[in-house]
Amino acid sequence: MHESDATPTQARGLRARLTLHLPVLLYGWFWLGMFLCGLLAPADRVLGLESALVREGWHLSVMSCVLGLPVLVLYAWRLRGDRWPSDPEGVQ
């Protein structure tokens, strides 16, 4: 469906969904970036952190999973039974 085919009600619904979920979308992209950068980080950059806890790049990935992933899982769990106000049948 092209944007010109959308009715004003559908456009408002999409805008409302984006506004509602934008914080968690940004958080998710940040978390994914931390996870991937931890896996791909060069050893000299990781040692440049001078951390007693982080000695290798994958340690950053594990920390991002422990500290960041539960937030996304809890958000998805909260939304599992919700229906969109604009979807009478609950089709998403």
N, C-alpha and C. Protein backbone atom coordinates (compact mmCIF):
# COMPACT_ATOMS: atom_id res chain seq x y z
N MET A 1 0.85 -1.17 0.00
CA MET A 1 0.00 0.00 0.00
C MET A 1 0.90 1.23 0.00
N HIS A 2 0.62 2.14 -0.91
CA HIS A 2 1.37 3.39 -0.96
C HIS A 2 0.84 4.34 0.08
N GLU A 3 1.66 5.29 0.43
CA GLU A 3 1.24 6.26 1.43
C GLU A 3 0.03 7.06 0.97
N SER A 4 -0.05 7.29 -0.35
CA SER A 4 -1.19 8.04 -0.87
C SER A 4 -2.48 7.24 -0.79
N ASP A 5 -2.39 5.89 -0.71
CA ASP A 5 -3.56 5.04 -0.59
C ASP A 5 -4.11 4.99 0.83
N ALA A 6 -3.33 5.41 1.79
CA ALA A 6 -3.74 5.33 3.20
C ALA A 6 -4.77 6.41 3.50
N THR A 7 -5.73 6.05 4.28
CA THR A 7 -6.73 7.03 4.71
C THR A 7 -6.15 7.83 5.87
N PRO A 8 -6.72 8.99 6.17
CA PRO A 8 -6.21 9.77 7.30
C PRO A 8 -6.26 9.01 8.62
N THR A 9 -7.26 8.15 8.80
CA THR A 9 -7.36 7.37 10.02
C THR A 9 -6.20 6.37 10.12
N GLN A 10 -5.85 5.73 9.00
CA GLN A 10 -4.73 4.80 9.01
C GLN A 10 -3.42 5.52 9.26
N ALA A 11 -3.26 6.70 8.69
CA ALA A 11 -2.04 7.47 8.91
C ALA A 11 -1.92 7.87 10.37
N ARG A 12 -3.04 8.28 10.97
CA ARG A 12 -3.01 8.63 12.39
C ARG A 12 -2.67 7.42 13.24
N GLY A 13 -3.21 6.25 12.87
CA GLY A 13 -2.93 5.03 13.62
C GLY A 13 -1.46 4.67 13.55
N LEU A 14 -0.86 4.81 12.38
CA LEU A 14 0.56 4.50 12.22
C LEU A 14 1.40 5.49 13.02
N ARG A 15 1.02 6.75 12.97
CA ARG A 15 1.76 7.78 13.72
C ARG A 15 1.65 7.52 15.22
N ALA A 16 0.47 7.11 15.67
CA ALA A 16 0.28 6.83 17.09
C ALA A 16 1.11 5.62 17.52
N ARG A 17 1.15 4.59 16.68
CA ARG A 17 1.96 3.41 17.00
C ARG A 17 3.44 3.76 17.07
N LEU A 18 3.89 4.54 16.10
CA LEU A 18 5.30 4.93 16.09
C LEU A 18 5.63 5.77 17.31
N THR A 19 4.76 6.71 17.65
CA THR A 19 4.98 7.55 18.83
C THR A 19 4.99 6.71 20.10
N LEU A 20 4.10 5.73 20.17
CA LEU A 20 4.02 4.89 21.36
C LEU A 20 5.27 4.02 21.53
N HIS A 21 5.77 3.48 20.45
CA HIS A 21 6.86 2.51 20.52
C HIS A 21 8.23 3.10 20.21
N LEU A 22 8.32 4.38 19.88
CA LEU A 22 9.61 4.97 19.52
C LEU A 22 10.68 4.81 20.60
N PRO A 23 10.39 5.04 21.87
CA PRO A 23 11.45 4.87 22.87
C PRO A 23 12.03 3.47 22.91
N VAL A 24 11.18 2.45 22.82
CA VAL A 24 11.70 1.09 22.88
C VAL A 24 12.40 0.71 21.56
N LEU A 25 11.97 1.27 20.45
CA LEU A 25 12.68 1.03 19.19
C LEU A 25 14.09 1.60 19.24
N LEU A 26 14.23 2.82 19.75
CA LEU A 26 15.55 3.42 19.89
C LEU A 26 16.41 2.64 20.87
N TYR A 27 15.82 2.23 21.97
CA TYR A 27 16.55 1.44 22.96
C TYR A 27 17.00 0.11 22.35
N GLY A 28 16.12 -0.51 21.57
CA GLY A 28 16.47 -1.78 20.92
C GLY A 28 17.63 -1.63 19.95
N TRP A 29 17.63 -0.55 19.16
CA TRP A 29 18.74 -0.33 18.24
C TRP A 29 20.04 -0.07 19.00
N PHE A 30 19.95 0.67 20.10
CA PHE A 30 21.14 0.92 20.92
C PHE A 30 21.67 -0.39 21.50
N TRP A 31 20.76 -1.22 22.02
CA TRP A 31 21.16 -2.50 22.58
C TRP A 31 21.80 -3.40 21.52
N LEU A 32 21.20 -3.47 20.34
CA LEU A 32 21.75 -4.28 19.27
C LEU A 32 23.13 -3.78 18.87
N GLY A 33 23.30 -2.46 18.84
CA GLY A 33 24.60 -1.89 18.53
C GLY A 33 25.65 -2.26 19.57
N MET A 34 25.29 -2.21 20.84
CA MET A 34 26.23 -2.59 21.90
C MET A 34 26.60 -4.07 21.79
N PHE A 35 25.61 -4.90 21.52
CA PHE A 35 25.85 -6.33 21.40
C PHE A 35 26.79 -6.63 20.22
N LEU A 36 26.52 -6.07 19.06
CA LEU A 36 27.34 -6.33 17.88
C LEU A 36 28.73 -5.70 18.00
N CYS A 37 28.80 -4.51 18.54
CA CYS A 37 30.11 -3.87 18.70
C CYS A 37 30.98 -4.63 19.70
N GLY A 38 30.36 -5.22 20.70
CA GLY A 38 31.13 -6.04 21.62
C GLY A 38 31.73 -7.26 20.94
N LEU A 39 30.98 -7.84 20.02
CA LEU A 39 31.50 -9.01 19.29
C LEU A 39 32.58 -8.63 18.29
N LEU A 40 32.49 -7.44 17.74
CA LEU A 40 33.40 -7.03 16.66
C LEU A 40 34.51 -6.08 17.12
N ALA A 41 34.57 -5.78 18.41
CA ALA A 41 35.54 -4.81 18.90
C ALA A 41 36.97 -5.36 18.82
N PRO A 42 37.89 -4.55 18.30
CA PRO A 42 39.30 -4.97 18.28
C PRO A 42 39.86 -5.04 19.71
N ALA A 43 40.80 -5.92 19.91
CA ALA A 43 41.36 -6.15 21.25
C ALA A 43 42.00 -4.89 21.83
N ASP A 44 42.71 -4.10 21.00
CA ASP A 44 43.37 -2.91 21.54
C ASP A 44 42.35 -1.87 22.02
N ARG A 45 41.21 -1.79 21.36
CA ARG A 45 40.17 -0.86 21.81
C ARG A 45 39.55 -1.31 23.13
N VAL A 46 39.36 -2.60 23.28
CA VAL A 46 38.79 -3.12 24.52
C VAL A 46 39.76 -2.91 25.67
N LEU A 47 41.03 -3.15 25.43
CA LEU A 47 42.03 -2.93 26.48
C LEU A 47 42.17 -1.45 26.81
N GLY A 48 41.83 -0.59 25.85
CA GLY A 48 41.86 0.86 26.09
C GLY A 48 40.81 1.31 27.09
N LEU A 49 39.83 0.48 27.35
CA LEU A 49 38.82 0.81 28.35
C LEU A 49 39.38 0.77 29.76
N GLU A 50 40.48 0.03 29.93
CA GLU A 50 41.14 -0.13 31.23
C GLU A 50 40.14 -0.54 32.31
N SER A 51 39.37 -1.56 32.00
CA SER A 51 38.35 -2.05 32.93
C SER A 51 38.80 -3.38 33.51
N ALA A 52 38.52 -3.57 34.79
CA ALA A 52 38.82 -4.85 35.42
C ALA A 52 37.77 -5.89 35.06
N LEU A 53 36.60 -5.44 34.67
CA LEU A 53 35.50 -6.34 34.35
C LEU A 53 35.50 -6.76 32.88
N VAL A 54 35.84 -5.85 32.00
CA VAL A 54 35.82 -6.11 30.55
C VAL A 54 37.25 -6.31 30.06
N ARG A 55 37.57 -7.55 29.70
CA ARG A 55 38.91 -7.86 29.19
C ARG A 55 38.90 -8.24 27.71
N GLU A 56 37.74 -8.67 27.20
CA GLU A 56 37.60 -9.04 25.79
C GLU A 56 36.29 -8.45 25.28
N GLY A 57 36.18 -8.35 23.96
CA GLY A 57 35.00 -7.74 23.37
C GLY A 57 33.70 -8.45 23.69
N TRP A 58 33.76 -9.77 23.76
CA TRP A 58 32.53 -10.51 24.02
C TRP A 58 32.01 -10.26 25.43
N HIS A 59 32.86 -9.77 26.33
CA HIS A 59 32.39 -9.40 27.67
C HIS A 59 31.37 -8.26 27.58
N LEU A 60 31.59 -7.31 26.64
CA LEU A 60 30.63 -6.24 26.43
C LEU A 60 29.29 -6.79 25.94
N SER A 61 29.35 -7.79 25.07
CA SER A 61 28.12 -8.39 24.56
C SER A 61 27.35 -9.09 25.67
N VAL A 62 28.06 -9.79 26.54
CA VAL A 62 27.40 -10.47 27.66
C VAL A 62 26.78 -9.44 28.60
N MET A 63 27.52 -8.38 28.88
CA MET A 63 26.97 -7.34 29.75
C MET A 63 25.74 -6.68 29.14
N SER A 64 25.76 -6.48 27.82
CA SER A 64 24.58 -5.88 27.18
C SER A 64 23.39 -6.82 27.26
N CYS A 65 23.63 -8.12 27.17
CA CYS A 65 22.53 -9.09 27.29
C CYS A 65 21.98 -9.11 28.71
N VAL A 66 22.85 -9.07 29.69
CA VAL A 66 22.41 -9.13 31.08
C VAL A 66 21.69 -7.85 31.49
N LEU A 67 22.18 -6.71 31.04
CA LEU A 67 21.61 -5.44 31.49
C LEU A 67 20.53 -4.88 30.56
N GLY A 68 20.59 -5.19 29.27
CA GLY A 68 19.68 -4.57 28.32
C GLY A 68 18.58 -5.45 27.79
N LEU A 69 18.85 -6.71 27.58
CA LEU A 69 17.86 -7.60 26.99
C LEU A 69 16.62 -7.80 27.85
N PRO A 70 16.73 -7.87 29.18
CA PRO A 70 15.51 -8.03 29.99
C PRO A 70 14.48 -6.92 29.78
N VAL A 71 14.94 -5.71 29.51
CA VAL A 71 14.01 -4.60 29.27
C VAL A 71 13.18 -4.88 28.02
N LEU A 72 13.82 -5.33 26.95
CA LEU A 72 13.11 -5.63 25.71
C LEU A 72 12.17 -6.82 25.88
N VAL A 73 12.61 -7.81 26.63
CA VAL A 73 11.77 -9.00 26.86
C VAL A 73 10.53 -8.62 27.68
N LEU A 74 10.72 -7.80 28.71
CA LEU A 74 9.58 -7.36 29.53
C LEU A 74 8.61 -6.51 28.71
N TYR A 75 9.13 -5.68 27.82
CA TYR A 75 8.26 -4.86 26.97
C TYR A 75 7.46 -5.75 26.02
N ALA A 76 8.11 -6.72 25.40
CA ALA A 76 7.41 -7.65 24.51
C ALA A 76 6.38 -8.47 25.28
N TRP A 77 6.71 -8.85 26.50
CA TRP A 77 5.79 -9.63 27.33
C TRP A 77 4.55 -8.80 27.69
N ARG A 78 4.77 -7.52 27.94
CA ARG A 78 3.65 -6.63 28.26
C ARG A 78 2.72 -6.46 27.07
N LEU A 79 3.25 -6.48 25.86
CA LEU A 79 2.45 -6.27 24.65
C LEU A 79 1.84 -7.54 24.08
N ARG A 80 2.12 -8.68 24.63
CA ARG A 80 1.72 -9.94 24.01
C ARG A 80 0.22 -10.09 23.83
N GLY A 81 -0.60 -9.54 24.67
CA GLY A 81 -2.04 -9.71 24.55
C GLY A 81 -2.77 -8.43 24.16
N ASP A 82 -2.03 -7.34 23.98
CA ASP A 82 -2.67 -6.06 23.67
C ASP A 82 -3.20 -6.05 22.24
N ARG A 83 -4.29 -5.37 22.07
CA ARG A 83 -4.84 -5.12 20.74
C ARG A 83 -4.70 -3.65 20.44
N TRP A 84 -4.49 -3.34 19.18
CA TRP A 84 -4.41 -1.95 18.79
C TRP A 84 -5.81 -1.35 18.81
N PRO A 85 -5.95 -0.11 19.26
CA PRO A 85 -7.27 0.52 19.29
C PRO A 85 -7.91 0.61 17.90
N SER A 86 -7.13 0.75 16.85
CA SER A 86 -7.67 0.90 15.51
C SER A 86 -7.97 -0.44 14.85
N ASP A 87 -7.59 -1.56 15.48
CA ASP A 87 -7.81 -2.89 14.91
C ASP A 87 -8.91 -3.60 15.70
N PRO A 88 -10.14 -3.60 15.20
CA PRO A 88 -11.22 -4.21 15.97
C PRO A 88 -11.04 -5.71 16.18
N GLU A 89 -10.42 -6.38 15.22
CA GLU A 89 -10.23 -7.83 15.37
C GLU A 89 -8.93 -8.16 16.08
N GLY A 90 -8.10 -7.16 16.34
CA GLY A 90 -6.83 -7.41 16.98
C GLY A 90 -5.76 -7.89 16.02
N VAL A 91 -5.98 -7.71 14.73
CA VAL A 91 -5.00 -8.11 13.74
C VAL A 91 -3.89 -7.08 13.72
N GLN A 92 -2.65 -7.54 13.81
CA GLN A 92 -1.54 -6.59 13.84
C GLN A 92 -0.74 -6.64 12.60
